Amino acid sequence: MNVRQGDLVEVISGKDRGKRGKILRVIPKENRVVVEGVNIVKRHVKAQPPKIMQGGIQEGPAPLHRSNVMLVCPHCHRRTRIGAVILADGRKARKCVRCGEIIDR
């Protein structure tokens, strides 16, 4: 996957198109990501007996398919595709296709 946990992404299709948020979780087997503040759904939760969790209707983010999000470059602040580059020390890094900057974490 070209996006990782903690990356800033923008939704490019669906009901939340144009919204930006940080990736909270990546689910590689399903090709899905959970983005903060995007694709909010309501879940009906049953209360747990020893007051671990209160019952009721809770809101939270649901997973999106990774093809519906695009990485936002931390340098040029625009959504971009990701390229791969091998650094001088032999490590593989991600590169912004628009501005050419290395995206480090």
PDB file of N, CA and C in Angstrom:
ATOM      1  N   MET A   1       0.841  -1.190   0.000  1.00  0.00           N
ATOM      2  CA  MET A   1       0.000   0.000   0.000  1.00  0.00           C
ATOM      3  C   MET A   1       0.880   1.245   0.000  1.00  0.00           C
ATOM      4  N   ASN A   2       0.436   2.261  -0.696  1.00  0.00           N
ATOM      5  CA  ASN A   2       1.245   3.473  -0.798  1.00  0.00           C
ATOM      6  C   ASN A   2       0.964   4.465   0.320  1.00  0.00           C
ATOM      7  N   VAL A   3      -0.013   4.189   1.178  1.00  0.00           N
ATOM      8  CA  VAL A   3      -0.282   5.060   2.321  1.00  0.00           C
ATOM      9  C   VAL A   3      -0.033   4.280   3.602  1.00  0.00           C
ATOM     10  N   ARG A   4       0.353   5.007   4.637  1.00  0.00           N
ATOM     11  CA  ARG A   4       0.681   4.384   5.919  1.00  0.00           C
ATOM     12  C   ARG A   4      -0.074   5.081   7.035  1.00  0.00           C
ATOM     13  N   GLN A   5      -0.084   4.435   8.186  1.00  0.00           N
ATOM     14  CA  GLN A   5      -0.738   5.016   9.354  1.00  0.00           C
ATOM     15  C   GLN A   5      -0.060   6.338   9.708  1.00  0.00           C
ATOM     16  N   GLY A   6      -0.868   7.375   9.944  1.00  0.00           N
ATOM     17  CA  GLY A   6      -0.341   8.689  10.291  1.00  0.00           C
ATOM     18  C   GLY A   6      -0.237   9.644   9.114  1.00  0.00           C
ATOM     19  N   ASP A   7      -0.379   9.140   7.881  1.00  0.00           N
ATOM     20  CA  ASP A   7      -0.322  10.001   6.693  1.00  0.00           C
ATOM     21  C   ASP A   7      -1.574  10.866   6.599  1.00  0.00           C
ATOM     22  N   LEU A   8      -1.418  12.063   6.045  1.00  0.00           N
ATOM     23  CA  LEU A   8      -2.556  12.934   5.764  1.00  0.00           C
ATOM     24  C   LEU A   8      -3.048  12.605   4.360  1.00  0.00           C
ATOM     25  N   VAL A   9      -4.354  12.297   4.245  1.00  0.00           N
ATOM     26  CA  VAL A   9      -4.922  11.934   2.951  1.00  0.00           C
ATOM     27  C   VAL A   9      -6.155  12.774   2.662  1.00  0.00           C
ATOM     28  N   GLU A  10      -6.543  12.815   1.390  1.00  0.00           N
ATOM     29  CA  GLU A  10      -7.763  13.490   0.963  1.00  0.00           C
ATOM     30  C   GLU A  10      -8.646  12.464   0.263  1.00  0.00           C
ATOM     31  N   VAL A  11      -9.940  12.498   0.567  1.00  0.00           N
ATOM     32  CA  VAL A  11     -10.894  11.594  -0.069  1.00  0.00           C
ATOM     33  C   VAL A  11     -11.194  12.133  -1.466  1.00  0.00           C
ATOM     34  N   ILE A  12     -11.086  11.271  -2.482  1.00  0.00           N
ATOM     35  CA  ILE A  12     -11.265  11.725  -3.862  1.00  0.00           C
ATOM     36  C   ILE A  12     -12.581  11.272  -4.483  1.00  0.00           C
ATOM     37  N   SER A  13     -13.333  10.412  -3.787  1.00  0.00           N
ATOM     38  CA  SER A  13     -14.640  10.014  -4.310  1.00  0.00           C
ATOM     39  C   SER A  13     -15.543   9.578  -3.168  1.00  0.00           C
ATOM     40  N   GLY A  14     -16.842   9.652  -3.401  1.00  0.00           N
ATOM     41  CA  GLY A  14     -17.807   9.247  -2.390  1.00  0.00           C
ATOM     42  C   GLY A  14     -18.444  10.441  -1.713  1.00  0.00           C
ATOM     43  N   LYS A  15     -19.211  10.161  -0.658  1.00  0.00           N
ATOM     44  CA  LYS A  15     -19.975  11.217   0.009  1.00  0.00           C
ATOM     45  C   LYS A  15     -19.090  12.223   0.743  1.00  0.00           C
ATOM     46  N   ASP A  16     -17.886  11.828   1.108  1.00  0.00           N
ATOM     47  CA  ASP A  16     -16.975  12.713   1.838  1.00  0.00           C
ATOM     48  C   ASP A  16     -15.880  13.279   0.938  1.00  0.00           C
ATOM     49  N   ARG A  17     -16.137  13.383  -0.356  1.00  0.00           N
ATOM     50  CA  ARG A  17     -15.137  13.865  -1.305  1.00  0.00           C
ATOM     51  C   ARG A  17     -14.636  15.259  -0.910  1.00  0.00           C
ATOM     52  N   GLY A  18     -13.300  15.422  -0.932  1.00  0.00           N
ATOM     53  CA  GLY A  18     -12.694  16.706  -0.611  1.00  0.00           C
ATOM     54  C   GLY A  18     -12.253  16.836   0.836  1.00  0.00           C
ATOM     55  N   LYS A  19     -12.716  15.953   1.715  1.00  0.00           N
ATOM     56  CA  LYS A  19     -12.327  16.029   3.127  1.00  0.00           C
ATOM     57  C   LYS A  19     -10.931  15.459   3.312  1.00  0.00           C
ATOM     58  N   ARG A  20     -10.205  16.056   4.251  1.00  0.00           N
ATOM     59  CA  ARG A  20      -8.863  15.582   4.582  1.00  0.00           C
ATOM     60  C   ARG A  20      -8.843  15.054   6.002  1.00  0.00           C
ATOM     61  N   GLY A  21      -7.983  14.080   6.244  1.00  0.00           N
ATOM     62  CA  GLY A  21      -7.849  13.525   7.581  1.00  0.00           C
ATOM     63  C   GLY A  21      -6.631  12.633   7.672  1.00  0.00           C
ATOM     64  N   LYS A  22      -6.273  12.299   8.910  1.00  0.00           N
ATOM     65  CA  LYS A  22      -5.119  11.457   9.167  1.00  0.00           C
ATOM     66  C   LYS A  22      -5.554   9.995   9.181  1.00  0.00           C
ATOM     67  N   ILE A  23      -4.721   9.107   8.669  1.00  0.00           N
ATOM     68  CA  ILE A  23      -5.039   7.679   8.664  1.00  0.00           C
ATOM     69  C   ILE A  23      -4.837   7.130  10.072  1.00  0.00           C
ATOM     70  N   LEU A  24      -5.906   6.539  10.614  1.00  0.00           N
ATOM     71  CA  LEU A  24      -5.852   5.957  11.949  1.00  0.00           C
ATOM     72  C   LEU A  24      -5.419   4.498  11.907  1.00  0.00           C
ATOM     73  N   ARG A  25      -5.857   3.783  10.859  1.00  0.00           N
ATOM     74  CA  ARG A  25      -5.567   2.354  10.770  1.00  0.00           C
ATOM     75  C   ARG A  25      -5.530   1.934   9.309  1.00  0.00           C
ATOM     76  N   VAL A  26      -4.641   1.000   8.990  1.00  0.00           N
ATOM     77  CA  VAL A  26      -4.546   0.447   7.644  1.00  0.00           C
ATOM     78  C   VAL A  26      -4.886  -1.037   7.731  1.00  0.00           C
ATOM     79  N   ILE A  27      -5.759  -1.503   6.836  1.00  0.00           N
ATOM     80  CA  ILE A  27      -6.150  -2.915   6.798  1.00  0.00           C
ATOM     81  C   ILE A  27      -5.691  -3.476   5.448  1.00  0.00           C
ATOM     82  N   PRO A  28      -4.446  -3.975   5.353  1.00  0.00           N
ATOM     83  CA  PRO A  28      -3.883  -4.382   4.067  1.00  0.00           C
ATOM     84  C   PRO A  28      -4.612  -5.554   3.403  1.00  0.00           C
ATOM     85  N   LYS A  29      -5.106  -6.508   4.179  1.00  0.00           N
ATOM     86  CA  LYS A  29      -5.778  -7.673   3.590  1.00  0.00           C
ATOM     87  C   LYS A  29      -7.036  -7.280   2.832  1.00  0.00           C
ATOM     88  N   GLU A  30      -7.708  -6.239   3.291  1.00  0.00           N
ATOM     89  CA  GLU A  30      -8.949  -5.794   2.661  1.00  0.00           C
ATOM     90  C   GLU A  30      -8.741  -4.562   1.776  1.00  0.00           C
ATOM     91  N   ASN A  31      -7.502  -4.068   1.687  1.00  0.00           N
ATOM     92  CA  ASN A  31      -7.182  -2.845   0.929  1.00  0.00           C
ATOM     93  C   ASN A  31      -8.007  -1.665   1.411  1.00  0.00           C
ATOM     94  N   ARG A  32      -8.126  -1.509   2.717  1.00  0.00           N
ATOM     95  CA  ARG A  32      -8.951  -0.447   3.282  1.00  0.00           C
ATOM     96  C   ARG A  32      -8.153   0.364   4.299  1.00  0.00           C
ATOM     97  N   VAL A  33      -8.589   1.608   4.500  1.00  0.00           N
ATOM     98  CA  VAL A  33      -7.985   2.489   5.495  1.00  0.00           C
ATOM     99  C   VAL A  33      -9.093   3.153   6.302  1.00  0.00           C
ATOM    100  N   VAL A  34      -8.785   3.469   7.558  1.00  0.00           N
ATOM    101  CA  VAL A  34      -9.710   4.212   8.413  1.00  0.00           C
ATOM    102  C   VAL A  34      -9.135   5.613   8.556  1.00  0.00           C
ATOM    103  N   VAL A  35      -9.921   6.624   8.153  1.00  0.00           N
ATOM    104  CA  VAL A  35      -9.464   8.009   8.154  1.00  0.00           C
ATOM    105  C   VAL A  35     -10.233   8.787   9.216  1.00  0.00           C
ATOM    106  N   GLU A  36      -9.505   9.593   9.984  1.00  0.00           N
ATOM    107  CA  GLU A  36     -10.082  10.379  11.072  1.00  0.00           C
ATOM    108  C   GLU A  36     -11.086  11.407  10.538  1.00  0.00           C
ATOM    109  N   GLY A  37     -12.313  11.371  11.066  1.00  0.00           N
ATOM    110  CA  GLY A  37     -13.334  12.351  10.708  1.00  0.00           C
ATOM    111  C   GLY A  37     -14.003  12.140   9.357  1.00  0.00           C
ATOM    112  N   VAL A  38     -13.769  11.009   8.727  1.00  0.00           N
ATOM    113  CA  VAL A  38     -14.331  10.728   7.405  1.00  0.00           C
ATOM    114  C   VAL A  38     -15.111   9.417   7.467  1.00  0.00           C
ATOM    115  N   ASN A  39     -16.219   9.341   6.708  1.00  0.00           N
ATOM    116  CA  ASN A  39     -17.060   8.146   6.628  1.00  0.00           C
ATOM    117  C   ASN A  39     -17.583   7.752   8.012  1.00  0.00           C
ATOM    118  N   ILE A  40     -18.154   8.713   8.715  1.00  0.00           N
ATOM    119  CA  ILE A  40     -18.675   8.495  10.063  1.00  0.00           C
ATOM    120  C   ILE A  40     -19.982   7.707   9.979  1.00  0.00           C
ATOM    121  N   VAL A  41     -20.071   6.634  10.767  1.00  0.00           N
ATOM    122  CA  VAL A  41     -21.277   5.809  10.824  1.00  0.00           C
ATOM    123  C   VAL A  41     -21.730   5.684  12.274  1.00  0.00           C
ATOM    124  N   LYS A  42     -23.017   5.369  12.445  1.00  0.00           N
ATOM    125  CA  LYS A  42     -23.569   5.147  13.779  1.00  0.00           C
ATOM    126  C   LYS A  42     -23.690   3.652  14.004  1.00  0.00           C
ATOM    127  N   ARG A  43     -23.239   3.204  15.177  1.00  0.00           N
ATOM    128  CA  ARG A  43     -23.321   1.786  15.526  1.00  0.00           C
ATOM    129  C   ARG A  43     -24.134   1.639  16.804  1.00  0.00           C
ATOM    130  N   HIS A  44     -25.003   0.642  16.828  1.00  0.00           N
ATOM    131  CA  HIS A  44     -25.790   0.342  18.019  1.00  0.00           C
ATOM    132  C   HIS A  44     -24.993  -0.648  18.856  1.00  0.00           C
ATOM    133  N   VAL A  45     -24.583  -0.215  20.051  1.00  0.00           N
ATOM    134  CA  VAL A  45     -23.692  -1.002  20.893  1.00  0.00           C
ATOM    135  C   VAL A  45     -24.441  -1.465  22.133  1.00  0.00           C
ATOM    136  N   LYS A  46     -24.315  -2.756  22.430  1.00  0.00           N
ATOM    137  CA  LYS A  46     -24.937  -3.314  23.623  1.00  0.00           C
ATOM    138  C   LYS A  46     -24.018  -3.061  24.815  1.00  0.00           C
ATOM    139  N   ALA A  47     -24.592  -2.740  25.962  1.00  0.00           N
ATOM    140  CA  ALA A  47     -23.805  -2.448  27.165  1.00  0.00           C
ATOM    141  C   ALA A  47     -23.108  -3.705  27.665  1.00  0.00           C
ATOM    142  N   GLN A  48     -21.897  -3.530  28.191  1.00  0.00           N
ATOM    143  CA  GLN A  48     -21.150  -4.632  28.788  1.00  0.00           C
ATOM    144  C   GLN A  48     -21.477  -4.697  30.278  1.00  0.00           C
ATOM    145  N   PRO A  49     -21.600  -5.899  30.846  1.00  0.00           N
ATOM    146  CA  PRO A  49     -22.088  -6.043  32.225  1.00  0.00           C
ATOM    147  C   PRO A  49     -21.339  -5.257  33.306  1.00  0.00           C
ATOM    148  N   PRO A  50     -20.022  -5.414  33.442  1.00  0.00           N
ATOM    149  CA  PRO A  50     -19.378  -4.704  34.568  1.00  0.00           C
ATOM    150  C   PRO A  50     -19.020  -3.255  34.239  1.00  0.00           C
ATOM    151  N   LYS A  51     -19.877  -2.571  33.502  1.00  0.00           N
ATOM    152  CA  LYS A  51     -19.711  -1.151  33.157  1.00  0.00           C
ATOM    153  C   LYS A  51     -18.406  -0.861  32.414  1.00  0.00           C
ATOM    154  N   ILE A  52     -17.960  -1.819  31.625  1.00  0.00           N
ATOM    155  CA  ILE A  52     -16.773  -1.583  30.802  1.00  0.00           C
ATOM    156  C   ILE A  52     -17.129  -0.610  29.685  1.00  0.00           C
ATOM    157  N   MET A  53     -18.302  -0.863  29.080  1.00  0.00           N
ATOM    158  CA  MET A  53     -18.720  -0.030  27.971  1.00  0.00           C
ATOM    159  C   MET A  53     -20.206   0.270  28.107  1.00  0.00           C
ATOM    160  N   GLN A  54     -20.547   1.533  27.948  1.00  0.00           N
ATOM    161  CA  GLN A  54     -21.937   1.945  28.042  1.00  0.00           C
ATOM    162  C   GLN A  54     -22.640   1.653  26.716  1.00  0.00           C
ATOM    163  N   GLY A  55     -23.881   1.189  26.801  1.00  0.00           N
ATOM    164  CA  GLY A  55     -24.645   0.885  25.605  1.00  0.00           C
ATOM    165  C   GLY A  55     -25.227   2.138  24.977  1.00  0.00           C
ATOM    166  N   GLY A  56     -25.728   2.007  23.768  1.00  0.00           N
ATOM    167  CA  GLY A  56     -26.347   3.131  23.079  1.00  0.00           C
ATOM    168  C   GLY A  56     -25.873   3.231  21.648  1.00  0.00           C
ATOM    169  N   ILE A  57     -26.076   4.392  21.074  1.00  0.00           N
ATOM    170  CA  ILE A  57     -25.671   4.633  19.692  1.00  0.00           C
ATOM    171  C   ILE A  57     -24.367   5.424  19.706  1.00  0.00           C
ATOM    172  N   GLN A  58     -23.322   4.840  19.121  1.00  0.00           N
ATOM    173  CA  GLN A  58     -22.013   5.486  19.089  1.00  0.00           C
ATOM    174  C   GLN A  58     -21.627   5.784  17.647  1.00  0.00           C
ATOM    175  N   GLU A  59     -20.951   6.906  17.453  1.00  0.00           N
ATOM    176  CA  GLU A  59     -20.470   7.286  16.126  1.00  0.00           C
ATOM    177  C   GLU A  59     -18.973   7.041  16.028  1.00  0.00           C
ATOM    178  N   GLY A  60     -18.536   6.644  14.850  1.00  0.00           N
ATOM    179  CA  GLY A  60     -17.117   6.428  14.634  1.00  0.00           C
ATOM    180  C   GLY A  60     -16.819   6.253  13.159  1.00  0.00           C
ATOM    181  N   PRO A  61     -15.539   6.334  12.788  1.00  0.00           N
ATOM    182  CA  PRO A  61     -15.176   6.200  11.375  1.00  0.00           C
ATOM    183  C   PRO A  61     -15.229   4.742  10.912  1.00  0.00           C
ATOM    184  N   ALA A  62     -15.693   4.530   9.687  1.00  0.00           N
ATOM    185  CA  ALA A  62     -15.719   3.209   9.063  1.00  0.00           C
ATOM    186  C   ALA A  62     -14.624   3.160   7.996  1.00  0.00           C
ATOM    187  N   PRO A  63     -14.152   1.964   7.653  1.00  0.00           N
ATOM    188  CA  PRO A  63     -13.092   1.854   6.647  1.00  0.00           C
ATOM    189  C   PRO A  63     -13.532   2.307   5.256  1.00  0.00           C
ATOM    190  N   LEU A  64     -12.572   2.882   4.516  1.00  0.00           N
ATOM    191  CA  LEU A  64     -12.742   3.276   3.113  1.00  0.00           C
ATOM    192  C   LEU A  64     -11.799   2.424   2.273  1.00  0.00           C
ATOM    193  N   HIS A  65     -12.147   2.204   1.018  1.00  0.00           N
ATOM    194  CA  HIS A  65     -11.219   1.506   0.133  1.00  0.00           C
ATOM    195  C   HIS A  65     -10.052   2.442  -0.174  1.00  0.00           C
ATOM    196  N   ARG A  66      -8.863   1.889  -0.280  1.00  0.00           N
ATOM    197  CA  ARG A  66      -7.665   2.724  -0.459  1.00  0.00           C
ATOM    198  C   ARG A  66      -7.659   3.473  -1.781  1.00  0.00           C
ATOM    199  N   SER A  67      -8.426   3.003  -2.761  1.00  0.00           N
ATOM    200  CA  SER A  67      -8.478   3.699  -4.048  1.00  0.00           C
ATOM    201  C   SER A  67      -9.278   4.995  -3.962  1.00  0.00           C
ATOM    202  N   ASN A  68     -10.010   5.198  -2.876  1.00  0.00           N
ATOM    203  CA  ASN A  68     -10.820   6.405  -2.713  1.00  0.00           C
ATOM    204  C   ASN A  68     -10.092   7.509  -1.957  1.00  0.00           C
ATOM    205  N   VAL A  69      -8.841   7.271  -1.567  1.00  0.00           N
ATOM    206  CA  VAL A  69      -8.060   8.301  -0.881  1.00  0.00           C
ATOM    207  C   VAL A  69      -6.758   8.536  -1.629  1.00  0.00           C
ATOM    208  N   MET A  70      -6.225   9.752  -1.473  1.00  0.00           N
ATOM    209  CA  MET A  70      -4.973  10.123  -2.117  1.00  0.00           C
ATOM    210  C   MET A  70      -4.109  10.857  -1.099  1.00  0.00           C
ATOM    211  N   LEU A  71      -2.830  10.561  -1.087  1.00  0.00           N
ATOM    212  CA  LEU A  71      -1.910  11.165  -0.132  1.00  0.00           C
ATOM    213  C   LEU A  71      -1.761  12.660  -0.384  1.00  0.00           C
ATOM    214  N   VAL A  72      -1.672  13.436   0.703  1.00  0.00           N
ATOM    215  CA  VAL A  72      -1.402  14.870   0.620  1.00  0.00           C
ATOM    216  C   VAL A  72       0.072  15.062   0.965  1.00  0.00           C
ATOM    217  N   CYS A  73       0.812  15.669   0.051  1.00  0.00           N
ATOM    218  CA  CYS A  73       2.251  15.881   0.247  1.00  0.00           C
ATOM    219  C   CYS A  73       2.478  16.851   1.402  1.00  0.00           C
ATOM    220  N   PRO A  74       3.353  16.506   2.362  1.00  0.00           N
ATOM    221  CA  PRO A  74       3.623  17.412   3.476  1.00  0.00           C
ATOM    222  C   PRO A  74       4.425  18.653   3.076  1.00  0.00           C
ATOM    223  N   HIS A  75       5.014  18.654   1.883  1.00  0.00           N
ATOM    224  CA  HIS A  75       5.821  19.791   1.442  1.00  0.00           C
ATOM    225  C   HIS A  75       5.018  20.785   0.604  1.00  0.00           C
ATOM    226  N   CYS A  76       4.302  20.280  -0.420  1.00  0.00           N
ATOM    227  CA  CYS A  76       3.554  21.187  -1.300  1.00  0.00           C
ATOM    228  C   CYS A  76       2.071  21.275  -0.924  1.00  0.00           C
ATOM    229  N   HIS A  77       1.617  20.457   0.026  1.00  0.00           N
ATOM    230  CA  HIS A  77       0.244  20.472   0.555  1.00  0.00           C
ATOM    231  C   HIS A  77      -0.816  20.260  -0.518  1.00  0.00           C
ATOM    232  N   ARG A  78      -0.484  19.492  -1.554  1.00  0.00           N
ATOM    233  CA  ARG A  78      -1.453  19.130  -2.589  1.00  0.00           C
ATOM    234  C   ARG A  78      -1.541  17.611  -2.632  1.00  0.00           C
ATOM    235  N   ARG A  79      -2.697  17.101  -3.074  1.00  0.00           N
ATOM    236  CA  ARG A  79      -2.796  15.651  -3.191  1.00  0.00           C
ATOM    237  C   ARG A  79      -1.946  15.196  -4.365  1.00  0.00           C
ATOM    238  N   THR A  80      -1.325  14.028  -4.208  1.00  0.00           N
ATOM    239  CA  THR A  80      -0.346  13.594  -5.187  1.00  0.00           C
ATOM    240  C   THR A  80      -0.273  12.078  -5.271  1.00  0.00           C
ATOM    241  N   ARG A  81       0.269  11.602  -6.380  1.00  0.00           N
ATOM    242  CA  ARG A  81       0.611  10.192  -6.496  1.00  0.00           C
ATOM    243  C   ARG A  81       1.974   9.996  -5.831  1.00  0.00           C
ATOM    244  N   ILE A  82       2.308   8.747  -5.573  1.00  0.00           N
ATOM    245  CA  ILE A  82       3.548   8.433  -4.876  1.00  0.00           C
ATOM    246  C   ILE A  82       4.481   7.679  -5.818  1.00  0.00           C
ATOM    247  N   GLY A  83       5.734   8.086  -5.816  1.00  0.00           N
ATOM    248  CA  GLY A  83       6.759   7.378  -6.566  1.00  0.00           C
ATOM    249  C   GLY A  83       7.747   6.754  -5.599  1.00  0.00           C
ATOM    250  N   ALA A  84       8.495   5.781  -6.054  1.00  0.00           N
ATOM    251  CA  ALA A  84       9.496   5.126  -5.216  1.00  0.00           C
ATOM    252  C   ALA A  84      10.883   5.584  -5.652  1.00  0.00           C
ATOM    253  N   VAL A  85      11.749   5.778  -4.681  1.00  0.00           N
ATOM    254  CA  VAL A  85      13.123   6.176  -4.964  1.00  0.00           C
ATOM    255  C   VAL A  85      14.036   5.437  -3.982  1.00  0.00           C
ATOM    256  N   ILE A  86      15.220   5.062  -4.448  1.00  0.00           N
ATOM    257  CA  ILE A  86      16.190   4.404  -3.577  1.00  0.00           C
ATOM    258  C   ILE A  86      17.217   5.444  -3.164  1.00  0.00           C
ATOM    259  N   LEU A  87      17.383   5.611  -1.860  1.00  0.00           N
ATOM    260  CA  LEU A  87      18.299   6.613  -1.316  1.00  0.00           C
ATOM    261  C   LEU A  87      19.743   6.141  -1.430  1.00  0.00           C
ATOM    262  N   ALA A  88      20.685   7.026  -1.126  1.00  0.00           N
ATOM    263  CA  ALA A  88      22.109   6.722  -1.239  1.00  0.00           C
ATOM    264  C   ALA A  88      22.537   5.591  -0.308  1.00  0.00           C
ATOM    265  N   ASP A  89      21.876   5.488   0.856  1.00  0.00           N
ATOM    266  CA  ASP A  89      22.243   4.431   1.803  1.00  0.00           C
ATOM    267  C   ASP A  89      21.531   3.110   1.503  1.00  0.00           C
ATOM    268  N   GLY A  90      20.785   3.032   0.403  1.00  0.00           N
ATOM    269  CA  GLY A  90      20.143   1.791  -0.011  1.00  0.00           C
ATOM    270  C   GLY A  90      18.712   1.610   0.453  1.00  0.00           C
ATOM    271  N   ARG A  91      18.212   2.546   1.262  1.00  0.00           N
ATOM    272  CA  ARG A  91      16.829   2.440   1.734  1.00  0.00           C
ATOM    273  C   ARG A  91      15.871   2.883   0.641  1.00  0.00           C
ATOM    274  N   LYS A  92      14.670   2.313   0.672  1.00  0.00           N
ATOM    275  CA  LYS A  92      13.627   2.690  -0.274  1.00  0.00           C
ATOM    276  C   LYS A  92      12.743   3.734   0.394  1.00  0.00           C
ATOM    277  N   ALA A  93      12.418   4.799  -0.327  1.00  0.00           N
ATOM    278  CA  ALA A  93      11.608   5.877   0.241  1.00  0.00           C
ATOM    279  C   ALA A  93      10.503   6.253  -0.740  1.00  0.00           C
ATOM    280  N   ARG A  94       9.510   6.971  -0.218  1.00  0.00           N
ATOM    281  CA  ARG A  94       8.415   7.460  -1.060  1.00  0.00           C
ATOM    282  C   ARG A  94       8.730   8.881  -1.518  1.00  0.00           C
ATOM    283  N   LYS A  95       8.297   9.205  -2.747  1.00  0.00           N
ATOM    284  CA  LYS A  95       8.588  10.514  -3.322  1.00  0.00           C
ATOM    285  C   LYS A  95       7.297  11.113  -3.868  1.00  0.00           C
ATOM    286  N   CYS A  96       7.122  12.421  -3.669  1.00  0.00           N
ATOM    287  CA  CYS A  96       5.984  13.146  -4.232  1.00  0.00           C
ATOM    288  C   CYS A  96       6.223  13.320  -5.728  1.00  0.00           C
ATOM    289  N   VAL A  97       5.261  12.898  -6.542  1.00  0.00           N
ATOM    290  CA  VAL A  97       5.409  13.004  -7.991  1.00  0.00           C
ATOM    291  C   VAL A  97       5.309  14.455  -8.446  1.00  0.00           C
ATOM    292  N   ARG A  98       4.522  15.285  -7.746  1.00  0.00           N
ATOM    293  CA  ARG A  98       4.319  16.683  -8.151  1.00  0.00           C
ATOM    294  C   ARG A  98       5.544  17.562  -7.897  1.00  0.00           C
ATOM    295  N   CYS A  99       6.086  17.506  -6.655  1.00  0.00           N
ATOM    296  CA  CYS A  99       7.185  18.422  -6.331  1.00  0.00           C
ATOM    297  C   CYS A  99       8.546  17.724  -6.266  1.00  0.00           C
ATOM    298  N   GLY A 100       8.576  16.392  -6.251  1.00  0.00           N
ATOM    299  CA  GLY A 100       9.832  15.658  -6.243  1.00  0.00           C
ATOM    300  C   GLY A 100      10.471  15.484  -4.881  1.00  0.00           C
ATOM    301  N   GLU A 101       9.844  15.991  -3.824  1.00  0.00           N
ATOM    302  CA  GLU A 101      10.410  15.885  -2.476  1.00  0.00           C
ATOM    303  C   GLU A 101      10.236  14.472  -1.916  1.00  0.00           C
ATOM    304  N   ILE A 102      11.181  14.077  -1.073  1.00  0.00           N
ATOM    305  CA  ILE A 102      11.109  12.786  -0.390  1.00  0.00           C
ATOM    306  C   ILE A 102      10.127  12.912   0.770  1.00  0.00           C
ATOM    307  N   ILE A 103       9.229  11.936   0.888  1.00  0.00           N
ATOM    308  CA  ILE A 103       8.249  11.944   1.974  1.00  0.00           C
ATOM    309  C   ILE A 103       8.778  11.044   3.078  1.00  0.00           C
ATOM    310  N   ASP A 104       9.308  11.655   4.119  1.00  0.00           N
ATOM    311  CA  ASP A 104       9.828  10.913   5.272  1.00  0.00           C
ATOM    312  C   ASP A 104       8.860  11.035   6.422  1.00  0.00           C
ATOM    313  N   ARG A 105       9.004  10.131   7.367  1.00  0.00           N
ATOM    314  CA  ARG A 105       8.130  10.177   8.533  1.00  0.00           C
ATOM    315  C   ARG A 105       8.945  10.449   9.769  1.00  0.00           C
TER     316      ARG A 105
END
